[in-house]
Protein backbone atom coordinates (compact mmCIF):
# COMPACT_ATOMS: atom_id res chain seq x y z
CA UNK A 1 -23.40 18.81 2.74
CA UNK A 2 -20.10 19.68 4.41
CA UNK A 3 -17.56 20.10 1.61
CA UNK A 4 -14.54 20.42 3.90
CA UNK A 5 -15.41 17.21 5.71
CA UNK A 6 -15.75 15.38 2.39
CA UNK A 7 -12.39 16.69 1.20
CA UNK A 8 -10.65 15.73 4.45
CA UNK A 9 -12.04 12.19 4.40
CA UNK A 10 -11.08 11.69 0.76
CA UNK A 11 -7.60 13.11 1.27
CA UNK A 12 -7.05 10.67 4.14
CA UNK A 13 -8.05 7.87 1.77
CA UNK A 14 -5.63 9.17 -0.88
CA UNK A 15 -2.81 9.19 1.66
CA UNK A 16 -3.54 5.61 2.75
CA UNK A 17 -3.61 4.31 -0.82
CA UNK A 18 -0.38 6.14 -1.66
CA UNK A 19 1.26 4.40 1.30
CA UNK A 20 -0.11 1.03 0.23
CA UNK A 21 1.23 1.50 -3.30
CA UNK A 22 4.67 2.47 -1.97
CA UNK A 23 4.88 -0.71 0.14
CA UNK A 24 3.63 -2.89 -2.72
CA UNK A 25 6.23 -1.35 -5.04
CA UNK A 26 8.92 -2.15 -2.48
CA UNK A 27 7.73 -5.77 -2.37
CA UNK A 28 7.81 -6.06 -6.16
CA UNK A 29 11.27 -4.49 -6.35
CA UNK A 30 12.62 -7.09 -3.93
CA UNK A 31 10.78 -10.13 -5.32
CA UNK A 32 13.93 -11.74 -6.74
CA UNK A 33 16.49 -10.65 -4.17
CA UNK A 34 18.47 -13.14 -2.10
CA UNK A 35 20.35 -12.88 1.16
CA UNK A 36 23.67 -11.07 1.15
CA UNK A 37 25.26 -13.82 3.26
CA UNK A 38 25.29 -17.57 2.64
CA UNK A 39 22.26 -19.22 4.24
CA UNK A 40 20.78 -15.89 5.34
CA UNK A 41 17.19 -14.80 5.04
CA UNK A 42 16.15 -12.75 1.99
CA UNK A 43 13.73 -9.84 1.89
CA UNK A 44 10.47 -10.58 3.70
CA UNK A 45 7.24 -9.32 2.13
CA UNK A 46 5.69 -6.36 3.96
CA UNK A 47 1.94 -6.05 4.48
CA UNK A 48 0.37 -2.62 5.08
CA UNK A 49 -2.51 -2.34 7.51
CA UNK A 50 -5.23 0.29 7.56
CA UNK A 51 -6.71 1.64 10.78
CA UNK A 52 -9.47 4.11 11.49
CA UNK A 53 -9.91 6.65 14.22
CA UNK A 54 -12.80 8.98 15.01
CA UNK A 55 -11.85 12.61 14.41
CA UNK A 56 -13.80 14.74 16.90
CA UNK A 57 -13.22 17.98 14.98
CA UNK A 58 -14.65 16.58 11.76
CA UNK A 59 -17.14 14.29 13.45
CA UNK A 60 -16.14 11.46 11.14
CA UNK A 61 -14.19 8.23 11.08
CA UNK A 62 -10.82 8.79 9.39
CA UNK A 63 -8.63 6.11 7.86
CA UNK A 64 -4.87 6.06 8.09
CA UNK A 65 -2.02 3.74 7.29
CA UNK A 66 -1.38 1.49 10.26
CA UNK A 67 1.64 -0.60 11.04
CA UNK A 68 3.51 -2.32 8.27
CA UNK A 69 3.88 -5.94 9.34
CA UNK A 70 6.09 -8.65 7.88
CA UNK A 71 4.39 -11.55 6.10
CA UNK A 72 5.32 -14.64 8.10
CA UNK A 73 4.74 -17.13 5.28
CA UNK A 74 7.61 -19.42 4.32
CA UNK A 75 10.34 -18.40 1.92
CA UNK A 76 10.66 -20.20 -1.40
CA UNK A 77 13.67 -22.51 -1.32
CA UNK A 78 15.58 -23.58 -4.44
CA UNK A 79 18.54 -25.88 -4.80
CA UNK A 80 21.34 -23.75 -6.27
CA UNK A 81 24.66 -24.98 -4.86
CA UNK A 82 26.74 -22.54 -6.97
CA UNK A 83 24.96 -19.43 -5.66
CA UNK A 84 26.85 -17.21 -3.20
CA UNK A 85 23.65 -17.11 -1.11
CA UNK A 86 23.44 -20.92 -0.81
CA UNK A 87 23.53 -22.51 2.62
CA UNK A 88 25.67 -25.57 3.51
CA UNK A 89 23.20 -27.90 1.76
CA UNK A 90 23.13 -25.81 -1.44
CA UNK A 91 19.68 -24.31 -0.88
CA UNK A 92 18.92 -20.65 -1.50
CA UNK A 93 15.97 -18.87 0.11
CA UNK A 94 13.96 -16.49 -2.04
CA UNK A 95 11.53 -13.82 -0.80
CA UNK A 96 7.96 -14.77 0.03
CA UNK A 97 6.74 -12.25 -2.55
CA UNK A 98 4.33 -13.31 -5.28
CA UNK A 99 4.34 -10.76 -8.12
CA UNK A 100 0.80 -11.82 -9.05
CA UNK A 101 -0.51 -11.10 -5.53
CA UNK A 102 1.34 -7.78 -5.49
CA UNK A 103 -0.14 -6.73 -8.84
CA UNK A 104 -3.67 -7.53 -7.64
CA UNK A 105 -3.03 -5.53 -4.45
CA UNK A 106 -1.61 -2.68 -6.53
CA UNK A 107 -4.67 -2.65 -8.77
CA UNK A 108 -6.94 -2.57 -5.72
CA UNK A 109 -4.99 0.34 -4.19
CA UNK A 110 -5.01 2.18 -7.52
CA UNK A 111 -8.76 1.80 -7.98
CA UNK A 112 -9.43 2.97 -4.43
CA UNK A 113 -7.09 5.93 -4.99
CA UNK A 114 -8.98 6.83 -8.18
CA UNK A 115 -12.33 6.61 -6.35
CA UNK A 116 -11.10 9.02 -3.68
CA UNK A 117 -9.71 11.32 -6.36
CA UNK A 118 -13.12 11.33 -8.09
CA UNK A 119 -14.74 12.36 -4.81
CA UNK A 120 -12.28 15.26 -4.49
CA UNK A 121 -12.94 16.30 -8.09
CA UNK A 122 -16.72 16.11 -7.70
CA UNK A 123 -16.60 18.06 -4.44
CA UNK A 124 -14.46 20.72 -6.07
CA UNK A 125 -16.95 20.97 -8.92
CA UNK A 126 -19.87 21.30 -6.49
CA UNK A 127 -18.01 24.00 -4.57
CA UNK A 128 -17.40 25.93 -7.78
CA UNK A 129 -21.07 25.67 -8.76
CA UNK A 130 -22.10 26.86 -5.31
CA UNK A 131 -19.80 29.87 -5.62
CA UNK A 132 -21.21 30.62 -9.09
CA UNK A 133 -24.78 30.50 -7.75
CA UNK A 134 -23.92 32.81 -4.85
CA UNK A 135 -22.34 35.31 -7.24
CA UNK A 136 -25.61 35.39 -9.13
């Protein structure tokens, strides 16, 4: 078993999940924001993508955070004529962020992060045992 290869693959996974969690946290933080100008568009939910590329040095497929793309779903519109963000008809657009969806995505990213962390921990333990055996 190639310990270095295992550590590199797991660390790439950790980096991807950290990026996913950062983007999800940004979405949650902006879930209730409105446009700064009357009738303007509010924050648009961001969706992280994950890509993979073959690493010739390691001889393995490595994951990485791909482009962050905007979610093109419709904004939520509420009638609030007294809001400073209201358009001429009194409607205010709210972000297309669902806190429930974001929490499920966050839980998925967290669990995947923990799985990669367990691989790193197990590999470290195996390395230590190997060193102990070699020392005699």
